């Protein structure tokens, strides 16, 4: 794996991640991308090695790790040239299962977490709606109380793992009169009557992962299906989103590093006018700019991670890190295409895939514009 110096005390873990990627993923990832699908069995493969339980307590089969270990995983796993695949795995294991472990009822945790850690059940998180993207306040999915049951109605879109999920954390509005306290998250078993996958979305990148549009038509839920407490949905979403943004940023950093490394090797090997491309000053200068962007982004995201791990307010720092790293990762992939010349525009080399895949990281989890808006508020 690349850049092991950033994982002091985690060398054994990094080596085990590298072996798993080399053995179980890299031989198959091109096939998955070409087929627009990766098999559910890879969740079980990674689960058997403990990689799906990094943040999950040992009592549910996890390893009880911390966010630093999770961030190391994200960056190392981010070197896999299929960002949709890596993000699908990470959403399940680091965001959804983590939220369930933190807030779920005893029944929900016992029912889903042991199987989620083993990859036998797959999770999704449903915030976004057709008319409410980053603007969660406009969510229209409703949960209404009828006796001791909750009835869920509405739709969600752009849901990673939505078509394959066994359980979904669904943010809904239960009361329109009390502002942010009117939102609650529910744990929805996808075998329940009324749940439907409306369609899988065809995307520019993230080809092997499923992104779906979902509907909920009078789905009946119990009190034990509430995630945490009634009215805590907005706070839970904010906390989950902050960590999700860090996860996406570290994944982008890993992808940018891999793309840079692959490009560096290419310009060393490729010759023009009797010399290696790297010997041209203009190429060397561009490579220096690429590396500078990686190092600057690395410093900022690790600063945000430190604040997060210390339990300090870091919403603005996370937003700034996500905006910088994810925007720069796309720029690095774009320049990598340029340095590959005509080959960069073909699928024979990886820069075009990195560009397509990393492009979504400036949108998912909150757009760059939203990140800028969050960050500027900390200065006003």
Protein backbone atom coordinates (compact mmCIF):
# COMPACT_ATOMS: atom_id res chain seq x y z
CA UNK A 1 0.00 0.00 0.00
CA UNK A 2 1.03 3.63 -0.41
CA UNK A 3 2.26 6.07 2.24
CA UNK A 4 2.39 3.70 5.25
CA UNK A 5 4.12 6.42 7.31
CA UNK A 6 0.71 7.92 8.11
CA UNK A 7 -0.44 4.86 10.02
CA UNK A 8 1.96 4.78 12.97
CA UNK A 9 0.87 2.00 15.26
CA UNK A 10 -1.41 0.60 12.57
CA UNK A 11 1.18 -1.13 10.40
CA UNK A 12 -0.22 -4.63 10.93
CA UNK A 13 -3.71 -3.39 10.12
CA UNK A 14 -2.48 -1.63 6.96
CA UNK A 15 -0.69 -4.76 5.82
CA UNK A 16 -3.82 -6.87 6.31
CA UNK A 17 -5.90 -4.35 4.33
CA UNK A 18 -3.33 -4.47 1.54
CA UNK A 19 -3.44 -8.26 1.39
CA UNK A 20 -7.23 -8.29 1.24
CA UNK A 21 -7.31 -5.72 -1.56
CA UNK A 22 -4.69 -7.60 -3.55
CA UNK A 23 -6.32 -11.00 -3.10
CA UNK A 24 -10.07 -10.39 -3.07
CA UNK A 25 -10.70 -7.11 -4.87
CA UNK A 26 -8.15 -6.04 -7.46
CA UNK A 27 -8.48 -9.26 -9.52
CA UNK A 28 -12.22 -8.62 -9.83
CA UNK A 29 -12.77 -4.88 -9.77
CA UNK A 30 -12.50 -4.29 -13.54
CA UNK A 31 -15.05 -7.04 -14.16
CA UNK A 32 -17.40 -5.47 -11.62
CA UNK A 33 -17.06 -2.05 -13.19
CA UNK A 34 -17.68 -3.38 -16.70
CA UNK A 35 -20.71 -5.35 -15.50
CA UNK A 36 -22.16 -2.42 -13.53
CA UNK A 37 -22.45 -4.59 -10.45
CA UNK A 38 -20.42 -6.11 -7.65
CA UNK A 39 -21.71 -9.21 -5.82
CA UNK A 40 -23.16 -9.14 -2.32
CA UNK A 41 -20.73 -11.93 -1.42
CA UNK A 42 -17.85 -9.43 -1.18
CA UNK A 43 -19.52 -8.05 1.95
CA UNK A 44 -19.22 -11.51 3.48
CA UNK A 45 -15.61 -11.81 2.35
CA UNK A 46 -14.67 -8.54 4.02
CA UNK A 47 -16.85 -9.29 7.03
CA UNK A 48 -15.10 -12.59 7.66
CA UNK A 49 -11.82 -10.66 7.94
CA UNK A 50 -13.25 -8.18 10.44
CA UNK A 51 -13.24 -5.17 8.12
CA UNK A 52 -16.97 -4.46 8.44
CA UNK A 53 -16.85 -4.11 12.21
CA UNK A 54 -14.18 -1.46 12.71
CA UNK A 55 -16.43 0.89 14.71
CA UNK A 56 -18.80 -1.74 16.10
CA UNK A 57 -18.57 -2.92 19.74
CA UNK A 58 -17.21 -6.40 20.36
CA UNK A 59 -20.50 -7.56 21.86
CA UNK A 60 -22.01 -7.41 18.37
CA UNK A 61 -19.03 -9.03 16.65
CA UNK A 62 -17.07 -5.86 15.84
CA UNK A 63 -13.54 -4.97 16.83
CA UNK A 64 -14.40 -1.82 18.79
CA UNK A 65 -11.94 0.37 16.90
CA UNK A 66 -11.84 4.16 16.83
CA UNK A 67 -12.27 6.81 14.15
CA UNK A 68 -8.52 6.98 13.49
CA UNK A 69 -8.51 3.32 12.55
CA UNK A 70 -11.62 3.89 10.42
CA UNK A 71 -9.95 6.84 8.68
CA UNK A 72 -6.87 4.74 7.96
CA UNK A 73 -9.12 2.08 6.43
CA UNK A 74 -10.87 4.70 4.27
CA UNK A 75 -7.63 6.07 2.89
CA UNK A 76 -6.10 2.65 2.25
CA UNK A 77 -9.31 1.22 0.81
CA UNK A 78 -9.70 4.41 -1.24
CA UNK A 79 -6.78 3.31 -3.39
CA UNK A 80 -9.05 0.71 -5.02
CA UNK A 81 -9.93 2.12 -8.48
CA UNK A 82 -13.71 1.88 -8.03
CA UNK A 83 -14.97 4.63 -5.73
CA UNK A 84 -18.58 3.52 -5.97
CA UNK A 85 -17.63 0.08 -4.68
CA UNK A 86 -15.47 1.36 -1.83
CA UNK A 87 -18.08 3.94 -0.78
CA UNK A 88 -20.85 1.32 -0.81
CA UNK A 89 -18.81 -0.84 1.56
CA UNK A 90 -17.95 2.11 3.79
CA UNK A 91 -21.48 3.49 3.95
CA UNK A 92 -22.66 0.11 5.18
CA UNK A 93 -19.90 -0.57 7.68
CA UNK A 94 -18.75 2.86 8.90
CA UNK A 95 -21.84 5.05 8.68
CA UNK A 96 -25.02 2.96 8.79
CA UNK A 97 -23.89 0.18 11.14
CA UNK A 98 -22.16 2.78 13.29
CA UNK A 99 -25.34 4.86 13.58
CA UNK A 100 -27.32 1.74 14.47
CA UNK A 101 -24.75 0.81 17.13
CA UNK A 102 -24.89 4.31 18.61
CA UNK A 103 -28.64 4.91 18.58
CA UNK A 104 -30.56 1.71 17.82
CA UNK A 105 -32.96 -0.05 20.18
CA UNK A 106 -31.84 -3.27 21.81
CA UNK A 107 -34.08 -5.16 19.39
CA UNK A 108 -32.72 -3.43 16.27
CA UNK A 109 -29.09 -3.86 17.32
CA UNK A 110 -29.55 -7.53 18.15
CA UNK A 111 -31.44 -8.14 14.91
CA UNK A 112 -29.13 -6.35 12.48
CA UNK A 113 -25.66 -5.62 13.85
CA UNK A 114 -24.18 -9.15 14.15
CA UNK A 115 -25.27 -9.93 10.59
CA UNK A 116 -24.12 -6.51 9.31
CA UNK A 117 -20.63 -7.08 10.74
CA UNK A 118 -20.46 -10.45 8.95
CA UNK A 119 -21.78 -8.98 5.70
CA UNK A 120 -24.86 -11.18 5.85
CA UNK A 121 -27.17 -8.16 5.98
CA UNK A 122 -26.52 -4.94 4.08
CA UNK A 123 -27.58 -1.48 5.18
CA UNK A 124 -28.42 1.84 3.54
CA UNK A 125 -29.11 5.37 4.82
CA UNK A 126 -31.99 7.29 3.25
CA UNK A 127 -31.84 11.07 3.67
CA UNK A 128 -32.14 12.51 0.19
CA UNK A 129 -35.45 12.95 -1.62
CA UNK A 130 -36.32 13.95 -5.20
CA UNK A 131 -37.14 17.49 -4.00
CA UNK A 132 -34.72 17.70 -1.08
CA UNK A 133 -31.04 17.05 -1.63
CA UNK A 134 -28.64 18.83 0.71
CA UNK A 135 -31.62 20.80 2.04
CA UNK A 136 -32.83 18.20 4.55
CA UNK A 137 -35.31 20.65 6.08
CA UNK A 138 -37.58 20.11 3.07
CA UNK A 139 -37.92 16.37 3.58
CA UNK A 140 -41.50 15.25 2.91
CA UNK A 141 -41.37 11.58 3.86
CA UNK A 142 -43.89 11.28 6.71
CA UNK A 143 -44.23 9.02 9.72
CA UNK A 144 -47.65 9.05 11.41
CA UNK A 145 -48.51 7.43 14.72
CA UNK A 146 -51.50 5.05 14.76
CA UNK A 147 -51.93 3.42 18.13
CA UNK A 148 -48.65 1.74 18.98
CA UNK A 149 -47.51 1.67 15.33
CA UNK A 150 -45.87 4.14 12.94
CA UNK A 151 -46.96 4.35 9.29
CA UNK A 152 -44.26 5.51 6.87
CA UNK A 153 -44.98 7.12 3.49
CA UNK A 154 -42.69 8.88 1.04
CA UNK A 155 -39.79 8.45 -1.35
CA UNK A 156 -36.01 8.69 -1.30
CA UNK A 157 -33.43 8.93 -4.08
CA UNK A 158 -29.67 8.65 -4.69
CA UNK A 159 -29.51 5.91 -2.04
CA UNK A 160 -26.25 3.96 -2.04
CA UNK A 161 -26.95 0.22 -1.56
CA UNK A 162 -30.65 1.03 -1.89
CA UNK A 163 -31.37 -1.81 -4.30
CA UNK A 164 -29.53 -4.46 -2.31
CA UNK A 165 -30.18 -3.34 1.27
CA UNK A 166 -31.75 -5.60 3.87
CA UNK A 167 -32.33 -2.71 6.26
CA UNK A 168 -32.49 1.04 5.74
CA UNK A 169 -32.24 3.96 8.15
CA UNK A 170 -34.94 6.35 6.93
CA UNK A 171 -35.17 9.98 8.03
CA UNK A 172 -38.80 11.11 8.12
CA UNK A 173 -40.84 14.02 9.40
CA UNK A 174 -43.29 13.14 12.18
CA UNK A 175 -44.36 16.68 13.13
CA UNK A 176 -44.33 19.78 10.92
CA UNK A 177 -44.95 22.22 13.80
CA UNK A 178 -41.79 21.86 15.91
CA UNK A 179 -38.94 22.49 13.48
CA UNK A 180 -35.85 20.28 13.76
CA UNK A 181 -37.44 18.30 16.60
CA UNK A 182 -40.04 17.08 14.12
CA UNK A 183 -37.67 14.57 12.47
CA UNK A 184 -37.20 10.94 13.44
CA UNK A 185 -35.17 8.12 11.92
CA UNK A 186 -36.61 4.62 11.55
CA UNK A 187 -34.96 1.26 10.92
CA UNK A 188 -36.86 -0.29 8.01
CA UNK A 189 -36.70 -3.98 7.11
CA UNK A 190 -36.86 -4.06 3.31
CA UNK A 191 -38.98 -7.21 3.32
CA UNK A 192 -41.88 -5.27 4.88
CA UNK A 193 -44.99 -4.73 2.75
CA UNK A 194 -45.05 -1.29 1.15
CA UNK A 195 -41.32 -0.97 0.57
CA UNK A 196 -40.28 -0.85 -3.08
CA UNK A 197 -37.16 -0.18 -5.11
CA UNK A 198 -38.58 2.04 -7.84
CA UNK A 199 -35.48 1.99 -10.01
CA UNK A 200 -31.71 1.82 -10.11
CA UNK A 201 -30.08 4.98 -11.44
CA UNK A 202 -27.71 4.89 -14.41
CA UNK A 203 -24.68 7.02 -13.54
CA UNK A 204 -21.63 8.67 -15.08
CA UNK A 205 -19.34 6.87 -12.66
CA UNK A 206 -19.62 4.58 -9.65
CA UNK A 207 -20.59 1.96 -12.19
CA UNK A 208 -20.39 -1.17 -10.02
CA UNK A 209 -22.40 0.16 -7.08
CA UNK A 210 -26.16 0.43 -7.00
CA UNK A 211 -27.78 3.82 -6.43
CA UNK A 212 -31.54 3.60 -6.12
CA UNK A 213 -34.81 5.45 -5.85
CA UNK A 214 -37.06 4.03 -3.13
CA UNK A 215 -40.71 4.38 -2.09
CA UNK A 216 -42.48 3.67 1.18
CA UNK A 217 -46.22 3.08 0.90
CA UNK A 218 -47.89 2.62 4.28
CA UNK A 219 -44.93 0.72 5.71
CA UNK A 220 -45.88 -0.32 9.26
CA UNK A 221 -43.21 0.03 11.95
CA UNK A 222 -43.05 -0.48 15.71
CA UNK A 223 -41.65 1.71 18.48
CA UNK A 224 -38.59 -0.55 18.56
CA UNK A 225 -37.87 0.44 14.95
CA UNK A 226 -37.26 4.05 16.02
CA UNK A 227 -33.57 4.94 15.91
CA UNK A 228 -32.89 6.49 19.30
CA UNK A 229 -35.74 8.74 20.41
CA UNK A 230 -38.64 10.41 18.63
CA UNK A 231 -37.44 13.84 17.53
CA UNK A 232 -33.71 12.97 17.48
CA UNK A 233 -33.55 12.31 13.75
CA UNK A 234 -32.11 15.68 12.79
CA UNK A 235 -29.34 15.55 15.39
CA UNK A 236 -28.49 11.98 14.41
CA UNK A 237 -28.39 12.97 10.74
CA UNK A 238 -26.06 15.89 11.47
CA UNK A 239 -23.63 13.71 13.42
CA UNK A 240 -23.75 10.91 10.86
CA UNK A 241 -23.25 13.37 8.00
CA UNK A 242 -20.22 14.94 9.66
CA UNK A 243 -18.52 11.56 9.96
CA UNK A 244 -19.73 10.54 6.50
CA UNK A 245 -18.05 13.65 5.08
CA UNK A 246 -14.79 12.71 6.77
CA UNK A 247 -15.15 9.19 5.39
CA UNK A 248 -15.68 10.51 1.86
CA UNK A 249 -12.76 12.91 2.22
CA UNK A 250 -10.30 10.23 3.33
CA UNK A 251 -11.56 7.98 0.53
CA UNK A 252 -10.94 10.80 -1.98
CA UNK A 253 -7.49 11.37 -0.53
CA UNK A 254 -6.65 7.70 -1.04
CA UNK A 255 -7.93 7.85 -4.62
CA UNK A 256 -5.96 11.02 -5.36
CA UNK A 257 -2.78 9.40 -4.03
CA UNK A 258 -3.33 6.27 -6.10
CA UNK A 259 -4.03 8.30 -9.24
CA UNK A 260 -0.92 10.39 -8.61
CA UNK A 261 1.21 7.28 -8.06
CA UNK A 262 -0.06 5.63 -11.24
CA UNK A 263 0.57 8.81 -13.23
CA UNK A 264 4.06 9.23 -11.82
CA UNK A 265 4.93 5.73 -12.97
CA UNK A 266 3.46 6.42 -16.40
CA UNK A 267 5.53 9.59 -16.99
CA UNK A 268 8.64 7.74 -15.88
CA UNK A 269 8.02 4.95 -18.39
CA UNK A 270 6.57 6.93 -21.30
CA UNK A 271 9.11 8.49 -23.67
CA UNK A 272 8.75 11.31 -26.17
CA UNK A 273 11.38 13.04 -28.29
CA UNK A 274 14.03 10.71 -26.93
CA UNK A 275 13.45 11.23 -23.21
CA UNK A 276 11.06 10.23 -20.42
CA UNK A 277 8.09 12.55 -19.96
CA UNK A 278 9.14 13.29 -16.39
CA UNK A 279 12.34 14.87 -17.70
CA UNK A 280 10.35 17.72 -19.28
CA UNK A 281 10.22 20.72 -16.95
CA UNK A 282 6.56 21.38 -17.64
CA UNK A 283 5.68 17.81 -16.61
CA UNK A 284 7.84 17.90 -13.49
CA UNK A 285 6.28 21.23 -12.47
CA UNK A 286 2.77 19.83 -12.85
CA UNK A 287 3.65 16.74 -10.81
CA UNK A 288 4.93 19.02 -8.05
CA UNK A 289 1.59 20.84 -8.01
CA UNK A 290 -0.27 17.53 -7.77
CA UNK A 291 1.82 16.44 -4.82
CA UNK A 292 1.43 19.79 -3.08
CA UNK A 293 -2.34 19.53 -3.30
CA UNK A 294 -2.25 16.04 -1.79
CA UNK A 295 -0.04 17.15 1.10
CA UNK A 296 -2.13 20.25 1.85
CA UNK A 297 -5.36 18.27 1.77
CA UNK A 298 -3.83 15.58 3.94
CA UNK A 299 -2.86 18.13 6.59
CA UNK A 300 -6.33 19.70 6.68
CA UNK A 301 -8.32 16.46 6.82
CA UNK A 302 -6.09 15.06 9.58
CA UNK A 303 -6.62 18.28 11.52
CA UNK A 304 -10.39 17.83 11.16
CA UNK A 305 -10.06 14.18 12.21
CA UNK A 306 -8.12 15.18 15.33
CA UNK A 307 -10.92 17.55 16.34
CA UNK A 308 -13.55 14.89 15.64
CA UNK A 309 -11.71 12.27 17.72
CA UNK A 310 -11.34 14.73 20.59
CA UNK A 311 -15.08 15.34 20.59
CA UNK A 312 -14.71 19.00 19.64
CA UNK A 313 -16.96 21.01 17.35
CA UNK A 314 -15.53 20.53 13.87
CA UNK A 315 -18.38 20.92 11.39
CA UNK A 316 -16.65 23.83 9.65
CA UNK A 317 -13.25 22.12 9.56
CA UNK A 318 -14.78 18.94 8.14
CA UNK A 319 -16.62 20.99 5.51
CA UNK A 320 -13.44 22.83 4.53
CA UNK A 321 -11.48 19.59 4.32
CA UNK A 322 -14.14 17.90 2.20
CA UNK A 323 -14.36 20.82 -0.19
CA UNK A 324 -10.60 21.14 -0.60
CA UNK A 325 -9.68 17.46 -0.86
CA UNK A 326 -12.60 16.35 -3.04
CA UNK A 327 -12.26 19.28 -5.45
CA UNK A 328 -8.49 18.78 -5.68
CA UNK A 329 -8.90 15.03 -6.22
CA UNK A 330 -10.97 15.73 -9.34
CA UNK A 331 -8.36 18.24 -10.53
CA UNK A 332 -5.60 15.70 -9.96
CA UNK A 333 -7.48 13.08 -11.98
CA UNK A 334 -8.09 15.63 -14.74
CA UNK A 335 -4.39 16.51 -14.91
CA UNK A 336 -3.55 12.80 -14.86
CA UNK A 337 -5.66 12.39 -18.00
CA UNK A 338 -3.70 15.24 -19.58
CA UNK A 339 -0.34 13.69 -18.68
CA UNK A 340 -1.43 10.41 -20.23
CA UNK A 341 -2.21 12.19 -23.50
CA UNK A 342 -4.62 10.37 -25.80
CA UNK A 343 -4.33 7.24 -23.67
CA UNK A 344 -5.77 9.16 -20.74
CA UNK A 345 -9.07 9.46 -22.60
CA UNK A 346 -9.32 5.71 -23.06
CA UNK A 347 -10.40 3.01 -20.64
CA UNK A 348 -7.04 1.31 -21.14
CA UNK A 349 -5.65 3.47 -18.32
CA UNK A 350 -7.24 4.42 -15.00
CA UNK A 351 -7.29 8.25 -14.93
CA UNK A 352 -10.61 8.45 -16.79
CA UNK A 353 -12.22 6.17 -14.20
CA UNK A 354 -10.70 8.12 -11.34
CA UNK A 355 -12.07 11.34 -12.87
CA UNK A 356 -15.59 9.92 -13.30
CA UNK A 357 -15.67 8.36 -9.84
CA UNK A 358 -14.06 11.15 -7.83
CA UNK A 359 -16.33 13.70 -9.48
CA UNK A 360 -19.26 12.56 -7.37
CA UNK A 361 -17.35 13.16 -4.14
CA UNK A 362 -17.84 16.92 -4.61
CA UNK A 363 -21.61 16.27 -4.54
CA UNK A 364 -22.33 13.31 -2.24
CA UNK A 365 -22.60 14.00 1.47
CA UNK A 366 -23.15 17.68 0.72
CA UNK A 367 -22.02 19.63 -2.32
CA UNK A 368 -18.90 21.79 -2.40
CA UNK A 369 -21.18 24.82 -2.38
CA UNK A 370 -22.93 23.62 0.78
CA UNK A 371 -19.53 22.90 2.36
CA UNK A 372 -18.48 26.44 1.60
CA UNK A 373 -21.66 27.79 3.15
CA UNK A 374 -21.07 25.77 6.33
CA UNK A 375 -17.46 26.91 6.57
CA UNK A 376 -18.14 30.62 6.03
CA UNK A 377 -20.69 30.66 8.85
CA UNK A 378 -17.88 29.87 11.29
CA UNK A 379 -16.17 33.13 10.28
CA UNK A 380 -19.18 35.42 10.52
